[in-house]
Each structure stands twice: as C-alpha cells, then as structure tokens.
Amino acid sequence: MLVHFFYEMDKEVSRFKVEVTKRLYALHQEKFGGNNVHLAQACGCSESTIRNIFARLKDKDKGQDITLGMAFRLCHALDVNLSDLVKGL
C-alpha cells in the first residue's frame, strides 16, 4: 500500500514538473523569442541546460527534469513569481 502511495506521488510530481516547464517555455517564447542563449545569460546558466530542460517537453526520455532551484532562476529571469506560475496546478 505504501509503495502504491509513493508511486502515485512520483507520477504527480512528474506531471507538476512538466506543467511548470510548459509554462516557463511559453514565457520564454514571449520574452526572449525562444532564444536559449539570452535566457541562459539572464539566469546565469549554460545554454545547454536550457535546451535540455525544454527538450523534455518534446520527448520525455530526453533532456533533464527541471529542479526547484532552476525553476526559481528561470522565473527570476522571466520576471514571474514561481507561486504565480503554479496557480491552478
């Protein structure tokens, strides 16, 4: 029973990460025109990190999951609060 609980929780966390990444991607398109280099410079990370995070949206087996720390950095660069971004999830 406990294993099932953790399995369901893991699925929900994965769904949450994907939805947050989708919302960040939409803001990225709006503010930076989809330019990964400019977003990377604004949040102080490499362009490949940005590319890998957004690659997850096209293929769940590619790229990397977004971390909470990176979500905060991206939100700061995109002028949005993480709390506003996750409303309704």
N, C-alpha and C. Protein backbone atom coordinates (compact mmCIF):
# COMPACT_ATOMS: atom_id res chain seq x y z
N MET A 1 0.82 -1.20 0.00
CA MET A 1 0.00 0.00 0.00
C MET A 1 0.86 1.26 0.00
N LEU A 2 1.90 1.26 0.82
CA LEU A 2 2.78 2.42 0.89
C LEU A 2 3.54 2.62 -0.42
N VAL A 3 3.92 1.53 -1.05
CA VAL A 3 4.62 1.60 -2.33
C VAL A 3 3.72 2.26 -3.37
N HIS A 4 2.46 1.91 -3.37
CA HIS A 4 1.50 2.50 -4.30
C HIS A 4 1.37 4.00 -4.07
N PHE A 5 1.35 4.39 -2.81
CA PHE A 5 1.26 5.81 -2.46
C PHE A 5 2.45 6.59 -3.05
N PHE A 6 3.66 6.07 -2.86
CA PHE A 6 4.85 6.76 -3.37
C PHE A 6 4.89 6.75 -4.89
N TYR A 7 4.41 5.68 -5.51
CA TYR A 7 4.34 5.62 -6.96
C TYR A 7 3.41 6.70 -7.49
N GLU A 8 2.24 6.84 -6.88
CA GLU A 8 1.28 7.86 -7.30
C GLU A 8 1.82 9.27 -7.06
N MET A 9 2.51 9.45 -5.94
CA MET A 9 3.08 10.75 -5.63
C MET A 9 4.16 11.10 -6.66
N ASP A 10 4.97 10.14 -7.04
CA ASP A 10 6.02 10.36 -8.03
C ASP A 10 5.41 10.75 -9.38
N LYS A 11 4.33 10.10 -9.76
CA LYS A 11 3.65 10.45 -11.00
C LYS A 11 3.13 11.88 -10.96
N GLU A 12 2.59 12.27 -9.82
CA GLU A 12 2.04 13.63 -9.66
C GLU A 12 3.15 14.68 -9.70
N VAL A 13 4.28 14.40 -9.09
CA VAL A 13 5.42 15.32 -9.12
C VAL A 13 5.93 15.46 -10.55
N SER A 14 5.99 14.36 -11.29
CA SER A 14 6.43 14.41 -12.70
C SER A 14 5.47 15.25 -13.53
N ARG A 15 4.18 15.09 -13.32
CA ARG A 15 3.18 15.87 -14.04
C ARG A 15 3.35 17.35 -13.71
N PHE A 16 3.60 17.66 -12.45
CA PHE A 16 3.79 19.02 -11.98
C PHE A 16 5.00 19.65 -12.67
N LYS A 17 6.12 18.92 -12.74
CA LYS A 17 7.33 19.43 -13.38
C LYS A 17 7.09 19.73 -14.85
N VAL A 18 6.38 18.85 -15.53
CA VAL A 18 6.10 19.07 -16.96
C VAL A 18 5.25 20.32 -17.15
N GLU A 19 4.24 20.49 -16.33
CA GLU A 19 3.36 21.65 -16.48
C GLU A 19 4.11 22.95 -16.18
N VAL A 20 4.95 22.96 -15.16
CA VAL A 20 5.75 24.15 -14.85
C VAL A 20 6.69 24.45 -16.01
N THR A 21 7.31 23.43 -16.57
CA THR A 21 8.21 23.61 -17.70
C THR A 21 7.47 24.17 -18.91
N LYS A 22 6.26 23.69 -19.16
CA LYS A 22 5.45 24.22 -20.27
C LYS A 22 5.16 25.70 -20.08
N ARG A 23 4.82 26.07 -18.87
CA ARG A 23 4.51 27.47 -18.60
C ARG A 23 5.74 28.35 -18.72
N LEU A 24 6.88 27.84 -18.25
CA LEU A 24 8.14 28.58 -18.40
C LEU A 24 8.52 28.71 -19.88
N TYR A 25 8.29 27.66 -20.64
CA TYR A 25 8.60 27.70 -22.07
C TYR A 25 7.76 28.77 -22.78
N ALA A 26 6.50 28.85 -22.43
CA ALA A 26 5.63 29.86 -23.04
C ALA A 26 6.13 31.27 -22.71
N LEU A 27 6.53 31.49 -21.47
CA LEU A 27 7.07 32.79 -21.09
C LEU A 27 8.40 33.07 -21.79
N HIS A 28 9.19 32.05 -21.96
CA HIS A 28 10.47 32.15 -22.67
C HIS A 28 10.24 32.58 -24.12
N GLN A 29 9.24 32.01 -24.76
CA GLN A 29 8.90 32.39 -26.13
C GLN A 29 8.48 33.85 -26.20
N GLU A 30 7.71 34.25 -25.21
CA GLU A 30 7.18 35.61 -25.15
C GLU A 30 8.28 36.66 -24.91
N LYS A 31 9.12 36.40 -23.91
CA LYS A 31 10.10 37.41 -23.51
C LYS A 31 11.38 37.38 -24.35
N PHE A 32 11.86 36.19 -24.69
CA PHE A 32 13.14 36.07 -25.39
C PHE A 32 12.99 35.54 -26.82
N GLY A 33 11.77 35.40 -27.28
CA GLY A 33 11.55 34.90 -28.63
C GLY A 33 12.09 33.49 -28.84
N GLY A 34 12.21 32.75 -27.75
CA GLY A 34 12.72 31.38 -27.83
C GLY A 34 14.24 31.29 -27.90
N ASN A 35 14.93 32.39 -27.71
CA ASN A 35 16.39 32.39 -27.78
C ASN A 35 16.97 31.84 -26.47
N ASN A 36 17.47 30.62 -26.53
CA ASN A 36 18.01 29.95 -25.34
C ASN A 36 19.24 30.64 -24.78
N VAL A 37 20.07 31.21 -25.64
CA VAL A 37 21.29 31.88 -25.19
C VAL A 37 20.93 33.08 -24.31
N HIS A 38 19.97 33.87 -24.73
CA HIS A 38 19.59 35.06 -23.95
C HIS A 38 18.97 34.66 -22.61
N LEU A 39 18.15 33.62 -22.60
CA LEU A 39 17.57 33.16 -21.34
C LEU A 39 18.66 32.61 -20.43
N ALA A 40 19.59 31.86 -20.98
CA ALA A 40 20.69 31.30 -20.18
C ALA A 40 21.51 32.41 -19.54
N GLN A 41 21.80 33.46 -20.30
CA GLN A 41 22.56 34.59 -19.76
C GLN A 41 21.78 35.28 -18.65
N ALA A 42 20.48 35.40 -18.83
CA ALA A 42 19.65 36.09 -17.83
C ALA A 42 19.54 35.31 -16.52
N CYS A 43 19.64 33.99 -16.60
CA CYS A 43 19.51 33.22 -15.35
C CYS A 43 20.84 32.64 -14.89
N GLY A 44 21.92 32.91 -15.61
CA GLY A 44 23.25 32.50 -15.16
C GLY A 44 23.52 31.02 -15.27
N CYS A 45 23.10 30.42 -16.35
CA CYS A 45 23.38 29.00 -16.57
C CYS A 45 23.83 28.82 -18.02
N SER A 46 24.11 27.60 -18.40
CA SER A 46 24.54 27.35 -19.77
C SER A 46 23.34 27.20 -20.70
N GLU A 47 23.58 27.46 -21.96
CA GLU A 47 22.52 27.30 -22.96
C GLU A 47 22.10 25.84 -23.05
N SER A 48 23.05 24.93 -22.86
CA SER A 48 22.71 23.51 -22.94
C SER A 48 21.76 23.09 -21.81
N THR A 49 21.87 23.73 -20.66
CA THR A 49 20.93 23.45 -19.57
C THR A 49 19.52 23.84 -19.99
N ILE A 50 19.37 25.01 -20.56
CA ILE A 50 18.07 25.48 -21.03
C ILE A 50 17.53 24.52 -22.08
N ARG A 51 18.38 24.18 -23.05
CA ARG A 51 17.98 23.28 -24.13
C ARG A 51 17.53 21.92 -23.57
N ASN A 52 18.27 21.40 -22.61
CA ASN A 52 17.93 20.10 -22.02
C ASN A 52 16.63 20.13 -21.24
N ILE A 53 16.38 21.21 -20.54
CA ILE A 53 15.12 21.32 -19.78
C ILE A 53 13.94 21.36 -20.73
N PHE A 54 14.04 22.14 -21.80
CA PHE A 54 12.92 22.24 -22.73
C PHE A 54 12.82 21.04 -23.67
N ALA A 55 13.91 20.29 -23.84
CA ALA A 55 13.87 19.07 -24.66
C ALA A 55 12.91 18.04 -24.06
N ARG A 56 12.76 18.09 -22.75
CA ARG A 56 11.88 17.16 -22.04
C ARG A 56 10.43 17.31 -22.51
N LEU A 57 10.06 18.50 -22.99
CA LEU A 57 8.70 18.73 -23.45
C LEU A 57 8.39 17.99 -24.75
N LYS A 58 9.40 17.79 -25.57
CA LYS A 58 9.21 17.10 -26.85
C LYS A 58 9.33 15.60 -26.72
N ASP A 59 10.19 15.14 -25.83
CA ASP A 59 10.43 13.70 -25.65
C ASP A 59 10.74 13.44 -24.19
N LYS A 60 9.86 12.73 -23.51
CA LYS A 60 10.03 12.52 -22.07
C LYS A 60 11.28 11.73 -21.71
N ASP A 61 11.88 11.07 -22.71
CA ASP A 61 13.09 10.29 -22.47
C ASP A 61 14.37 11.07 -22.76
N LYS A 62 14.24 12.31 -23.19
CA LYS A 62 15.40 13.15 -23.48
C LYS A 62 15.44 14.31 -22.51
N GLY A 63 16.56 14.98 -22.51
CA GLY A 63 16.69 16.17 -21.68
C GLY A 63 16.81 15.85 -20.21
N GLN A 64 16.44 16.83 -19.39
CA GLN A 64 16.54 16.68 -17.95
C GLN A 64 15.33 17.32 -17.28
N ASP A 65 15.00 16.80 -16.12
CA ASP A 65 13.92 17.39 -15.34
C ASP A 65 14.37 18.73 -14.80
N ILE A 66 13.42 19.61 -14.62
CA ILE A 66 13.71 20.90 -14.01
C ILE A 66 13.83 20.70 -12.50
N THR A 67 14.78 21.38 -11.89
CA THR A 67 14.92 21.34 -10.44
C THR A 67 14.22 22.57 -9.86
N LEU A 68 13.97 22.53 -8.58
CA LEU A 68 13.32 23.67 -7.93
C LEU A 68 14.20 24.91 -8.02
N GLY A 69 15.50 24.73 -7.81
CA GLY A 69 16.43 25.86 -7.90
C GLY A 69 16.43 26.48 -9.29
N MET A 70 16.44 25.64 -10.32
CA MET A 70 16.44 26.15 -11.68
C MET A 70 15.11 26.82 -12.00
N ALA A 71 14.02 26.28 -11.48
CA ALA A 71 12.71 26.90 -11.70
C ALA A 71 12.70 28.32 -11.13
N PHE A 72 13.28 28.51 -9.94
CA PHE A 72 13.36 29.85 -9.35
C PHE A 72 14.23 30.78 -10.20
N ARG A 73 15.35 30.27 -10.69
CA ARG A 73 16.24 31.09 -11.52
C ARG A 73 15.55 31.50 -12.82
N LEU A 74 14.86 30.55 -13.45
CA LEU A 74 14.15 30.86 -14.68
C LEU A 74 13.03 31.86 -14.42
N CYS A 75 12.31 31.67 -13.34
CA CYS A 75 11.24 32.62 -13.00
C CYS A 75 11.78 34.02 -12.82
N HIS A 76 12.90 34.13 -12.13
CA HIS A 76 13.52 35.45 -11.93
C HIS A 76 13.89 36.08 -13.27
N ALA A 77 14.49 35.29 -14.16
CA ALA A 77 14.90 35.81 -15.47
C ALA A 77 13.69 36.17 -16.33
N LEU A 78 12.57 35.51 -16.09
CA LEU A 78 11.36 35.75 -16.88
C LEU A 78 10.39 36.71 -16.19
N ASP A 79 10.81 37.30 -15.08
CA ASP A 79 10.02 38.29 -14.33
C ASP A 79 8.66 37.75 -13.90
N VAL A 80 8.67 36.57 -13.30
CA VAL A 80 7.45 35.97 -12.79
C VAL A 80 7.77 35.28 -11.46
N ASN A 81 6.80 35.26 -10.57
CA ASN A 81 6.98 34.53 -9.31
C ASN A 81 6.58 33.08 -9.52
N LEU A 82 7.33 32.18 -8.93
CA LEU A 82 7.02 30.76 -9.05
C LEU A 82 5.61 30.48 -8.51
N SER A 83 5.22 31.16 -7.46
CA SER A 83 3.90 30.96 -6.89
C SER A 83 2.79 31.32 -7.90
N ASP A 84 3.01 32.37 -8.69
CA ASP A 84 2.03 32.74 -9.73
C ASP A 84 2.01 31.69 -10.84
N LEU A 85 3.18 31.15 -11.13
CA LEU A 85 3.30 30.18 -12.21
C LEU A 85 2.61 28.85 -11.90
N VAL A 86 2.55 28.49 -10.63
CA VAL A 86 1.97 27.19 -10.27
C VAL A 86 0.50 27.25 -9.85
N LYS A 87 -0.08 28.42 -9.91
CA LYS A 87 -1.50 28.53 -9.56
C LYS A 87 -2.33 27.65 -10.46
N GLY A 88 -3.26 26.98 -9.86
CA GLY A 88 -4.16 26.13 -10.61
C GLY A 88 -3.66 24.73 -10.87
N LEU A 89 -2.46 24.43 -10.42
CA LEU A 89 -1.97 23.07 -10.61
C LEU A 89 -2.50 22.24 -9.48
